[in-house]
Amino acid sequence: MLVGASREFMLIMGLGLIVAGLTTYVIIGILSVVHLRDKHPALRAELGANIAAPRMIGWFLRAHYRAAGDSALNAIALPGCIGAWSIVAGIVCVIVSKGMGYV
């Protein structure tokens, strides 16, 4: 009984983290792309204009926005970094929940 409740909790928590992370990432990703277009065209050309591009996702996950030295970009991109990591944490929770089903 306890394993079933724990499994359901992990699944619901994981799905919630994924949804919250995706929402944050989409909104902040668009804002970041616009900021890069206006202030850092070379960096935008390197990352691409698509928020779903692997380079852009990795840029958020590794917090490489700090290397630009732009405090406004840091303020915009920090929630995107948190959202990207929330997606990763949610995926891990769902995988753990799936693994708990085989106990």
PDB file of N, CA and C in Angstrom:
ATOM      1  N   MET A   1       0.821  -1.191   0.000  1.00  0.00           N
ATOM      2  CA  MET A   1       0.000   0.000   0.000  1.00  0.00           C
ATOM      3  C   MET A   1       0.868   1.260   0.000  1.00  0.00           C
ATOM      4  N   LEU A   2       1.908   1.262   0.842  1.00  0.00           N
ATOM      5  CA  LEU A   2       2.785   2.421   0.927  1.00  0.00           C
ATOM      6  C   LEU A   2       3.557   2.634  -0.373  1.00  0.00           C
ATOM      7  N   VAL A   3       3.955   1.537  -1.013  1.00  0.00           N
ATOM      8  CA  VAL A   3       4.678   1.654  -2.284  1.00  0.00           C
ATOM      9  C   VAL A   3       3.770   2.239  -3.348  1.00  0.00           C
ATOM     10  N   GLY A   4       2.505   1.835  -3.372  1.00  0.00           N
ATOM     11  CA  GLY A   4       1.561   2.367  -4.351  1.00  0.00           C
ATOM     12  C   GLY A   4       1.328   3.857  -4.163  1.00  0.00           C
ATOM     13  N   ALA A   5       1.199   4.295  -2.932  1.00  0.00           N
ATOM     14  CA  ALA A   5       1.001   5.716  -2.654  1.00  0.00           C
ATOM     15  C   ALA A   5       2.255   6.508  -3.014  1.00  0.00           C
ATOM     16  N   SER A   6       3.415   5.949  -2.700  1.00  0.00           N
ATOM     17  CA  SER A   6       4.669   6.628  -3.042  1.00  0.00           C
ATOM     18  C   SER A   6       4.839   6.726  -4.545  1.00  0.00           C
ATOM     19  N   ARG A   7       4.464   5.652  -5.236  1.00  0.00           N
ATOM     20  CA  ARG A   7       4.573   5.654  -6.695  1.00  0.00           C
ATOM     21  C   ARG A   7       3.657   6.712  -7.297  1.00  0.00           C
ATOM     22  N   GLU A   8       2.428   6.774  -6.821  1.00  0.00           N
ATOM     23  CA  GLU A   8       1.492   7.769  -7.334  1.00  0.00           C
ATOM     24  C   GLU A   8       1.956   9.192  -7.018  1.00  0.00           C
ATOM     25  N   PHE A   9       2.488   9.394  -5.819  1.00  0.00           N
ATOM     26  CA  PHE A   9       3.010  10.715  -5.452  1.00  0.00           C
ATOM     27  C   PHE A   9       4.152  11.118  -6.380  1.00  0.00           C
ATOM     28  N   MET A  10       5.092  10.202  -6.626  1.00  0.00           N
ATOM     29  CA  MET A  10       6.229  10.508  -7.509  1.00  0.00           C
ATOM     30  C   MET A  10       5.749  10.821  -8.927  1.00  0.00           C
ATOM     31  N   LEU A  11       4.760  10.084  -9.398  1.00  0.00           N
ATOM     32  CA  LEU A  11       4.232  10.319 -10.739  1.00  0.00           C
ATOM     33  C   LEU A  11       3.570  11.687 -10.839  1.00  0.00           C
ATOM     34  N   ILE A  12       2.714  12.003  -9.878  1.00  0.00           N
ATOM     35  CA  ILE A  12       2.019  13.295  -9.905  1.00  0.00           C
ATOM     36  C   ILE A  12       3.006  14.445  -9.717  1.00  0.00           C
ATOM     37  N   MET A  13       3.968  14.279  -8.815  1.00  0.00           N
ATOM     38  CA  MET A  13       4.977  15.322  -8.620  1.00  0.00           C
ATOM     39  C   MET A  13       5.796  15.517  -9.891  1.00  0.00           C
ATOM     40  N   GLY A  14       6.185  14.421 -10.515  1.00  0.00           N
ATOM     41  CA  GLY A  14       6.964  14.510 -11.742  1.00  0.00           C
ATOM     42  C   GLY A  14       6.212  15.208 -12.849  1.00  0.00           C
ATOM     43  N   LEU A  15       4.949  14.842 -13.030  1.00  0.00           N
ATOM     44  CA  LEU A  15       4.148  15.484 -14.067  1.00  0.00           C
ATOM     45  C   LEU A  15       3.950  16.969 -13.772  1.00  0.00           C
ATOM     46  N   GLY A  16       3.757  17.306 -12.501  1.00  0.00           N
ATOM     47  CA  GLY A  16       3.624  18.717 -12.124  1.00  0.00           C
ATOM     48  C   GLY A  16       4.895  19.503 -12.398  1.00  0.00           C
ATOM     49  N   LEU A  17       6.040  18.903 -12.091  1.00  0.00           N
ATOM     50  CA  LEU A  17       7.313  19.574 -12.369  1.00  0.00           C
ATOM     51  C   LEU A  17       7.521  19.769 -13.871  1.00  0.00           C
ATOM     52  N   ILE A  18       7.156  18.773 -14.655  1.00  0.00           N
ATOM     53  CA  ILE A  18       7.309  18.894 -16.103  1.00  0.00           C
ATOM     54  C   ILE A  18       6.431  20.007 -16.653  1.00  0.00           C
ATOM     55  N   VAL A  19       5.183  20.053 -16.234  1.00  0.00           N
ATOM     56  CA  VAL A  19       4.263  21.084 -16.728  1.00  0.00           C
ATOM     57  C   VAL A  19       4.723  22.475 -16.296  1.00  0.00           C
ATOM     58  N   ALA A  20       5.088  22.618 -15.027  1.00  0.00           N
ATOM     59  CA  ALA A  20       5.560  23.925 -14.539  1.00  0.00           C
ATOM     60  C   ALA A  20       6.848  24.338 -15.241  1.00  0.00           C
ATOM     61  N   GLY A  21       7.749  23.391 -15.414  1.00  0.00           N
ATOM     62  CA  GLY A  21       9.011  23.693 -16.092  1.00  0.00           C
ATOM     63  C   GLY A  21       8.823  24.073 -17.546  1.00  0.00           C
ATOM     64  N   LEU A  22       7.948  23.345 -18.249  1.00  0.00           N
ATOM     65  CA  LEU A  22       7.681  23.678 -19.654  1.00  0.00           C
ATOM     66  C   LEU A  22       7.056  25.056 -19.797  1.00  0.00           C
ATOM     67  N   THR A  23       6.117  25.370 -18.921  1.00  0.00           N
ATOM     68  CA  THR A  23       5.480  26.685 -18.974  1.00  0.00           C
ATOM     69  C   THR A  23       6.510  27.790 -18.767  1.00  0.00           C
ATOM     70  N   THR A  24       7.325  27.626 -17.747  1.00  0.00           N
ATOM     71  CA  THR A  24       8.359  28.621 -17.464  1.00  0.00           C
ATOM     72  C   THR A  24       9.348  28.714 -18.603  1.00  0.00           C
ATOM     73  N   TYR A  25       9.793  27.563 -19.093  1.00  0.00           N
ATOM     74  CA  TYR A  25      10.814  27.549 -20.140  1.00  0.00           C
ATOM     75  C   TYR A  25      10.315  28.207 -21.427  1.00  0.00           C
ATOM     76  N   VAL A  26       9.071  27.939 -21.809  1.00  0.00           N
ATOM     77  CA  VAL A  26       8.541  28.531 -23.045  1.00  0.00           C
ATOM     78  C   VAL A  26       8.452  30.050 -22.923  1.00  0.00           C
ATOM     79  N   ILE A  27       7.911  30.529 -21.829  1.00  0.00           N
ATOM     80  CA  ILE A  27       7.759  31.979 -21.658  1.00  0.00           C
ATOM     81  C   ILE A  27       9.123  32.657 -21.585  1.00  0.00           C
ATOM     82  N   ILE A  28       9.998  32.147 -20.739  1.00  0.00           N
ATOM     83  CA  ILE A  28      11.307  32.773 -20.554  1.00  0.00           C
ATOM     84  C   ILE A  28      12.197  32.561 -21.778  1.00  0.00           C
ATOM     85  N   GLY A  29      12.041  31.431 -22.440  1.00  0.00           N
ATOM     86  CA  GLY A  29      12.836  31.181 -23.646  1.00  0.00           C
ATOM     87  C   GLY A  29      12.559  32.215 -24.717  1.00  0.00           C
ATOM     88  N   ILE A  30      11.294  32.539 -24.909  1.00  0.00           N
ATOM     89  CA  ILE A  30      10.929  33.554 -25.898  1.00  0.00           C
ATOM     90  C   ILE A  30      11.491  34.917 -25.495  1.00  0.00           C
ATOM     91  N   LEU A  31      11.358  35.275 -24.229  1.00  0.00           N
ATOM     92  CA  LEU A  31      11.911  36.554 -23.765  1.00  0.00           C
ATOM     93  C   LEU A  31      13.427  36.602 -23.941  1.00  0.00           C
ATOM     94  N   SER A  32      14.088  35.498 -23.676  1.00  0.00           N
ATOM     95  CA  SER A  32      15.543  35.444 -23.811  1.00  0.00           C
ATOM     96  C   SER A  32      15.972  35.572 -25.264  1.00  0.00           C
ATOM     97  N   VAL A  33      15.246  34.913 -26.160  1.00  0.00           N
ATOM     98  CA  VAL A  33      15.579  35.014 -27.591  1.00  0.00           C
ATOM     99  C   VAL A  33      15.425  36.452 -28.072  1.00  0.00           C
ATOM    100  N   VAL A  34      14.372  37.120 -27.637  1.00  0.00           N
ATOM    101  CA  VAL A  34      14.173  38.522 -28.026  1.00  0.00           C
ATOM    102  C   VAL A  34      15.294  39.396 -27.460  1.00  0.00           C
ATOM    103  N   HIS A  35      15.674  39.169 -26.208  1.00  0.00           N
ATOM    104  CA  HIS A  35      16.768  39.941 -25.609  1.00  0.00           C
ATOM    105  C   HIS A  35      18.075  39.679 -26.350  1.00  0.00           C
ATOM    106  N   LEU A  36      18.331  38.432 -26.683  1.00  0.00           N
ATOM    107  CA  LEU A  36      19.548  38.111 -27.439  1.00  0.00           C
ATOM    108  C   LEU A  36      19.525  38.761 -28.816  1.00  0.00           C
ATOM    109  N   ARG A  37      18.359  38.794 -29.447  1.00  0.00           N
ATOM    110  CA  ARG A  37      18.244  39.434 -30.756  1.00  0.00           C
ATOM    111  C   ARG A  37      18.597  40.915 -30.675  1.00  0.00           C
ATOM    112  N   ASP A  38      18.130  41.562 -29.613  1.00  0.00           N
ATOM    113  CA  ASP A  38      18.341  42.996 -29.481  1.00  0.00           C
ATOM    114  C   ASP A  38      19.734  43.361 -28.979  1.00  0.00           C
ATOM    115  N   LYS A  39      20.288  42.589 -28.052  1.00  0.00           N
ATOM    116  CA  LYS A  39      21.525  42.982 -27.372  1.00  0.00           C
ATOM    117  C   LYS A  39      22.750  42.140 -27.735  1.00  0.00           C
ATOM    118  N   HIS A  40      22.554  40.883 -28.105  1.00  0.00           N
ATOM    119  CA  HIS A  40      23.680  39.983 -28.359  1.00  0.00           C
ATOM    120  C   HIS A  40      23.433  39.173 -29.630  1.00  0.00           C
ATOM    121  N   PRO A  41      23.486  39.837 -30.799  1.00  0.00           N
ATOM    122  CA  PRO A  41      23.171  39.113 -32.042  1.00  0.00           C
ATOM    123  C   PRO A  41      24.142  37.965 -32.350  1.00  0.00           C
ATOM    124  N   ALA A  42      25.393  38.097 -31.963  1.00  0.00           N
ATOM    125  CA  ALA A  42      26.359  37.024 -32.235  1.00  0.00           C
ATOM    126  C   ALA A  42      26.018  35.774 -31.420  1.00  0.00           C
ATOM    127  N   LEU A  43      25.640  35.968 -30.170  1.00  0.00           N
ATOM    128  CA  LEU A  43      25.264  34.846 -29.317  1.00  0.00           C
ATOM    129  C   LEU A  43      23.975  34.201 -29.810  1.00  0.00           C
ATOM    130  N   ARG A  44      23.053  35.016 -30.270  1.00  0.00           N
ATOM    131  CA  ARG A  44      21.803  34.470 -30.810  1.00  0.00           C
ATOM    132  C   ARG A  44      22.071  33.652 -32.061  1.00  0.00           C
ATOM    133  N   ALA A  45      22.968  34.126 -32.912  1.00  0.00           N
ATOM    134  CA  ALA A  45      23.302  33.366 -34.115  1.00  0.00           C
ATOM    135  C   ALA A  45      23.932  32.020 -33.754  1.00  0.00           C
ATOM    136  N   GLU A  46      24.708  32.002 -32.687  1.00  0.00           N
ATOM    137  CA  GLU A  46      25.345  30.765 -32.237  1.00  0.00           C
ATOM    138  C   GLU A  46      24.319  29.779 -31.676  1.00  0.00           C
ATOM    139  N   LEU A  47      23.348  30.286 -30.917  1.00  0.00           N
ATOM    140  CA  LEU A  47      22.357  29.427 -30.272  1.00  0.00           C
ATOM    141  C   LEU A  47      21.193  29.076 -31.181  1.00  0.00           C
ATOM    142  N   GLY A  48      20.879  29.943 -32.112  1.00  0.00           N
ATOM    143  CA  GLY A  48      19.708  29.757 -32.952  1.00  0.00           C
ATOM    144  C   GLY A  48      18.519  30.497 -32.360  1.00  0.00           C
ATOM    145  N   ALA A  49      17.478  30.608 -33.143  1.00  0.00           N
ATOM    146  CA  ALA A  49      16.309  31.370 -32.710  1.00  0.00           C
ATOM    147  C   ALA A  49      15.195  30.480 -32.188  1.00  0.00           C
ATOM    148  N   ASN A  50      15.428  29.186 -32.130  1.00  0.00           N
ATOM    149  CA  ASN A  50      14.407  28.244 -31.724  1.00  0.00           C
ATOM    150  C   ASN A  50      14.631  27.837 -30.271  1.00  0.00           C
ATOM    151  N   ILE A  51      13.633  28.006 -29.419  1.00  0.00           N
ATOM    152  CA  ILE A  51      13.810  27.675 -28.005  1.00  0.00           C
ATOM    153  C   ILE A  51      13.868  26.172 -27.770  1.00  0.00           C
ATOM    154  N   ALA A  52      13.454  25.377 -28.759  1.00  0.00           N
ATOM    155  CA  ALA A  52      13.513  23.921 -28.624  1.00  0.00           C
ATOM    156  C   ALA A  52      14.821  23.346 -29.159  1.00  0.00           C
ATOM    157  N   ALA A  53      15.703  24.204 -29.646  1.00  0.00           N
ATOM    158  CA  ALA A  53      16.985  23.726 -30.168  1.00  0.00           C
ATOM    159  C   ALA A  53      17.836  23.172 -29.020  1.00  0.00           C
ATOM    160  N   PRO A  54      18.511  22.061 -29.245  1.00  0.00           N
ATOM    161  CA  PRO A  54      19.342  21.485 -28.183  1.00  0.00           C
ATOM    162  C   PRO A  54      20.389  22.463 -27.635  1.00  0.00           C
ATOM    163  N   ARG A  55      20.924  23.312 -28.488  1.00  0.00           N
ATOM    164  CA  ARG A  55      21.906  24.296 -28.003  1.00  0.00           C
ATOM    165  C   ARG A  55      21.281  25.263 -27.003  1.00  0.00           C
ATOM    166  N   MET A  56      20.059  25.681 -27.275  1.00  0.00           N
ATOM    167  CA  MET A  56      19.383  26.629 -26.386  1.00  0.00           C
ATOM    168  C   MET A  56      19.040  25.961 -25.057  1.00  0.00           C
ATOM    169  N   ILE A  57      18.555  24.735 -25.108  1.00  0.00           N
ATOM    170  CA  ILE A  57      18.225  24.018 -23.878  1.00  0.00           C
ATOM    171  C   ILE A  57      19.481  23.799 -23.044  1.00  0.00           C
ATOM    172  N   GLY A  58      20.570  23.386 -23.687  1.00  0.00           N
ATOM    173  CA  GLY A  58      21.835  23.205 -22.979  1.00  0.00           C
ATOM    174  C   GLY A  58      22.370  24.504 -22.414  1.00  0.00           C
ATOM    175  N   TRP A  59      22.153  25.592 -23.130  1.00  0.00           N
ATOM    176  CA  TRP A  59      22.592  26.910 -22.676  1.00  0.00           C
ATOM    177  C   TRP A  59      21.908  27.270 -21.362  1.00  0.00           C
ATOM    178  N   PHE A  60      20.616  26.960 -21.261  1.00  0.00           N
ATOM    179  CA  PHE A  60      19.898  27.195 -20.018  1.00  0.00           C
ATOM    180  C   PHE A  60      20.345  26.226 -18.928  1.00  0.00           C
ATOM    181  N   LEU A  61      20.473  24.950 -19.255  1.00  0.00           N
ATOM    182  CA  LEU A  61      20.842  23.957 -18.245  1.00  0.00           C
ATOM    183  C   LEU A  61      22.221  24.218 -17.648  1.00  0.00           C
ATOM    184  N   ARG A  62      23.152  24.664 -18.470  1.00  0.00           N
ATOM    185  CA  ARG A  62      24.516  24.939 -17.985  1.00  0.00           C
ATOM    186  C   ARG A  62      24.685  26.368 -17.480  1.00  0.00           C
ATOM    187  N   ALA A  63      23.639  27.167 -17.555  1.00  0.00           N
ATOM    188  CA  ALA A  63      23.658  28.566 -17.109  1.00  0.00           C
ATOM    189  C   ALA A  63      24.748  29.367 -17.811  1.00  0.00           C
ATOM    190  N   HIS A  64      24.912  29.130 -19.096  1.00  0.00           N
ATOM    191  CA  HIS A  64      25.916  29.864 -19.864  1.00  0.00           C
ATOM    192  C   HIS A  64      25.505  31.302 -20.180  1.00  0.00           C
ATOM    193  N   TYR A  65      24.288  31.662 -19.830  1.00  0.00           N
ATOM    194  CA  TYR A  65      23.865  33.049 -20.029  1.00  0.00           C
ATOM    195  C   TYR A  65      24.693  33.993 -19.173  1.00  0.00           C
ATOM    196  N   ARG A  66      25.273  33.490 -18.081  1.00  0.00           N
ATOM    197  CA  ARG A  66      26.097  34.341 -17.213  1.00  0.00           C
ATOM    198  C   ARG A  66      27.374  34.798 -17.893  1.00  0.00           C
ATOM    199  N   ALA A  67      27.852  34.026 -18.865  1.00  0.00           N
ATOM    200  CA  ALA A  67      29.098  34.368 -19.557  1.00  0.00           C
ATOM    201  C   ALA A  67      28.955  35.633 -20.406  1.00  0.00           C
ATOM    202  N   ALA A  68      27.740  36.021 -20.747  1.00  0.00           N
ATOM    203  CA  ALA A  68      27.532  37.223 -21.565  1.00  0.00           C
ATOM    204  C   ALA A  68      27.828  38.499 -20.784  1.00  0.00           C
ATOM    205  N   GLY A  69      27.804  38.424 -19.453  1.00  0.00           N
ATOM    206  CA  GLY A  69      28.095  39.592 -18.633  1.00  0.00           C
ATOM    207  C   GLY A  69      27.007  40.646 -18.665  1.00  0.00           C
ATOM    208  N   ASP A  70      25.791  40.258 -18.963  1.00  0.00           N
ATOM    209  CA  ASP A  70      24.664  41.173 -19.061  1.00  0.00           C
ATOM    210  C   ASP A  70      23.720  40.888 -17.891  1.00  0.00           C
ATOM    211  N   SER A  71      23.617  41.838 -16.970  1.00  0.00           N
ATOM    212  CA  SER A  71      22.777  41.611 -15.784  1.00  0.00           C
ATOM    213  C   SER A  71      21.298  41.477 -16.141  1.00  0.00           C
ATOM    214  N   ALA A  72      20.854  42.169 -17.182  1.00  0.00           N
ATOM    215  CA  ALA A  72      19.456  42.037 -17.607  1.00  0.00           C
ATOM    216  C   ALA A  72      19.199  40.628 -18.150  1.00  0.00           C
ATOM    217  N   LEU A  73      20.138  40.094 -18.910  1.00  0.00           N
ATOM    218  CA  LEU A  73      19.999  38.730 -19.420  1.00  0.00           C
ATOM    219  C   LEU A  73      20.023  37.727 -18.276  1.00  0.00           C
ATOM    220  N   ASN A  74      20.866  37.970 -17.284  1.00  0.00           N
ATOM    221  CA  ASN A  74      20.898  37.083 -16.112  1.00  0.00           C
ATOM    222  C   ASN A  74      19.536  37.058 -15.419  1.00  0.00           C
ATOM    223  N   ALA A  75      18.919  38.226 -15.266  1.00  0.00           N
ATOM    224  CA  ALA A  75      17.620  38.306 -14.599  1.00  0.00           C
ATOM    225  C   ALA A  75      16.525  37.629 -15.415  1.00  0.00           C
ATOM    226  N   ILE A  76      16.603  37.733 -16.734  1.00  0.00           N
ATOM    227  CA  ILE A  76      15.589  37.108 -17.592  1.00  0.00           C
ATOM    228  C   ILE A  76      15.786  35.591 -17.647  1.00  0.00           C
ATOM    229  N   ALA A  77      17.036  35.156 -17.772  1.00  0.00           N
ATOM    230  CA  ALA A  77      17.315  33.746 -18.049  1.00  0.00           C
ATOM    231  C   ALA A  77      17.313  32.854 -16.803  1.00  0.00           C
ATOM    232  N   LEU A  78      17.476  33.409 -15.622  1.00  0.00           N
ATOM    233  CA  LEU A  78      17.494  32.579 -14.417  1.00  0.00           C
ATOM    234  C   LEU A  78      16.221  31.737 -14.250  1.00  0.00           C
ATOM    235  N   PRO A  79      15.028  32.311 -14.397  1.00  0.00           N
ATOM    236  CA  PRO A  79      13.831  31.461 -14.309  1.00  0.00           C
ATOM    237  C   PRO A  79      13.780  30.392 -15.408  1.00  0.00           C
ATOM    238  N   GLY A  80      14.338  30.688 -16.576  1.00  0.00           N
ATOM    239  CA  GLY A  80      14.403  29.687 -17.640  1.00  0.00           C
ATOM    240  C   GLY A  80      15.300  28.533 -17.260  1.00  0.00           C
ATOM    241  N   CYS A  81      16.391  28.843 -16.584  1.00  0.00           N
ATOM    242  CA  CYS A  81      17.299  27.804 -16.090  1.00  0.00           C
ATOM    243  C   CYS A  81      16.586  26.934 -15.058  1.00  0.00           C
ATOM    244  N   ILE A  82      15.865  27.568 -14.159  1.00  0.00           N
ATOM    245  CA  ILE A  82      15.113  26.823 -13.143  1.00  0.00           C
ATOM    246  C   ILE A  82      14.039  25.966 -13.819  1.00  0.00           C
ATOM    247  N   GLY A  83      13.383  26.508 -14.825  1.00  0.00           N
ATOM    248  CA  GLY A  83      12.364  25.752 -15.546  1.00  0.00           C
ATOM    249  C   GLY A  83      12.947  24.552 -16.284  1.00  0.00           C
ATOM    250  N   ALA A  84      14.109  24.731 -16.906  1.00  0.00           N
ATOM    251  CA  ALA A  84      14.748  23.617 -17.616  1.00  0.00           C
ATOM    252  C   ALA A  84      15.130  22.505 -16.643  1.00  0.00           C
ATOM    253  N   TRP A  85      15.675  22.886 -15.493  1.00  0.00           N
ATOM    254  CA  TRP A  85      16.029  21.876 -14.494  1.00  0.00           C
ATOM    255  C   TRP A  85      14.788  21.238 -13.884  1.00  0.00           C
ATOM    256  N   SER A  86      13.690  21.977 -13.817  1.00  0.00           N
ATOM    257  CA  SER A  86      12.436  21.418 -13.326  1.00  0.00           C
ATOM    258  C   SER A  86      11.933  20.329 -14.267  1.00  0.00           C
ATOM    259  N   ILE A  87      12.093  20.538 -15.559  1.00  0.00           N
ATOM    260  CA  ILE A  87      11.712  19.521 -16.540  1.00  0.00           C
ATOM    261  C   ILE A  87      12.540  18.257 -16.327  1.00  0.00           C
ATOM    262  N   VAL A  88      13.843  18.433 -16.150  1.00  0.00           N
ATOM    263  CA  VAL A  88      14.729  17.289 -15.917  1.00  0.00           C
ATOM    264  C   VAL A  88      14.335  16.556 -14.638  1.00  0.00           C
ATOM    265  N   ALA A  89      14.088  17.305 -13.561  1.00  0.00           N
ATOM    266  CA  ALA A  89      13.693  16.687 -12.290  1.00  0.00           C
ATOM    267  C   ALA A  89      12.365  15.948 -12.429  1.00  0.00           C
ATOM    268  N   GLY A  90      11.435  16.517 -13.180  1.00  0.00           N
ATOM    269  CA  GLY A  90      10.152  15.862 -13.397  1.00  0.00           C
ATOM    270  C   GLY A  90      10.296  14.556 -14.163  1.00  0.00           C
ATOM    271  N   ILE A  91      11.153  14.561 -15.170  1.00  0.00           N
ATOM    272  CA  ILE A  91      11.398  13.335 -15.936  1.00  0.00           C
ATOM    273  C   ILE A  91      12.004  12.262 -15.040  1.00  0.00           C
ATOM    274  N   VAL A  92      12.940  12.667 -14.183  1.00  0.00           N
ATOM    275  CA  VAL A  92      13.552  11.710 -13.244  1.00  0.00           C
ATOM    276  C   VAL A  92      12.493  11.147 -12.298  1.00  0.00           C
ATOM    277  N   CYS A  93      11.610  11.999 -11.790  1.00  0.00           N
ATOM    278  CA  CYS A  93      10.543  11.529 -10.887  1.00  0.00           C
ATOM    279  C   CYS A  93       9.621  10.534 -11.582  1.00  0.00           C
ATOM    280  N   VAL A  94       9.279  10.792 -12.836  1.00  0.00           N
ATOM    281  CA  VAL A  94       8.415   9.880 -13.571  1.00  0.00           C
ATOM    282  C   VAL A  94       9.123   8.540 -13.797  1.00  0.00           C
ATOM    283  N   ILE A  95      10.416   8.574 -14.112  1.00  0.00           N
ATOM    284  CA  ILE A  95      11.180   7.338 -14.302  1.00  0.00           C
ATOM    285  C   ILE A  95      11.260   6.553 -12.996  1.00  0.00           C
ATOM    286  N   VAL A  96      11.498   7.253 -11.893  1.00  0.00           N
ATOM    287  CA  VAL A  96      11.539   6.579 -10.587  1.00  0.00           C
ATOM    288  C   VAL A  96      10.172   5.968 -10.275  1.00  0.00           C
ATOM    289  N   SER A  97       9.108   6.687 -10.574  1.00  0.00           N
ATOM    290  CA  SER A  97       7.763   6.169 -10.354  1.00  0.00           C
ATOM    291  C   SER A  97       7.524   4.905 -11.181  1.00  0.00           C
ATOM    292  N   LYS A  98       7.975   4.934 -12.410  1.00  0.00           N
ATOM    293  CA  LYS A  98       7.831   3.758 -13.278  1.00  0.00           C
ATOM    294  C   LYS A  98       8.603   2.580 -12.697  1.00  0.00           C
ATOM    295  N   GLY A  99       9.806   2.843 -12.184  1.00  0.00           N
ATOM    296  CA  GLY A  99      10.613   1.789 -11.573  1.00  0.00           C
ATOM    297  C   GLY A  99      10.009   1.239 -10.297  1.00  0.00           C
ATOM    298  N   MET A 100       9.285   2.073  -9.574  1.00  0.00           N
ATOM    299  CA  MET A 100       8.650   1.623  -8.327  1.00  0.00           C
ATOM    300  C   MET A 100       7.494   0.668  -8.590  1.00  0.00           C
ATOM    301  N   GLY A 101       6.981   0.650  -9.794  1.00  0.00           N
ATOM    302  CA  GLY A 101       5.878  -0.229 -10.133  1.00  0.00           C
ATOM    303  C   GLY A 101       6.280  -1.685 -10.226  1.00  0.00           C
ATOM    304  N   TYR A 102       7.577  -1.944 -10.346  1.00  0.00           N
ATOM    305  CA  TYR A 102       8.056  -3.317 -10.514  1.00  0.00           C
ATOM    306  C   TYR A 102       8.522  -3.940  -9.212  1.00  0.00           C
ATOM    307  N   VAL A 103       8.276  -3.274  -8.095  1.00  0.00           N
ATOM    308  CA  VAL A 103       8.722  -3.805  -6.800  1.00  0.00           C
ATOM    309  C   VAL A 103       7.772  -4.848  -6.304  1.00  0.00           C
TER     310      VAL A 103
END
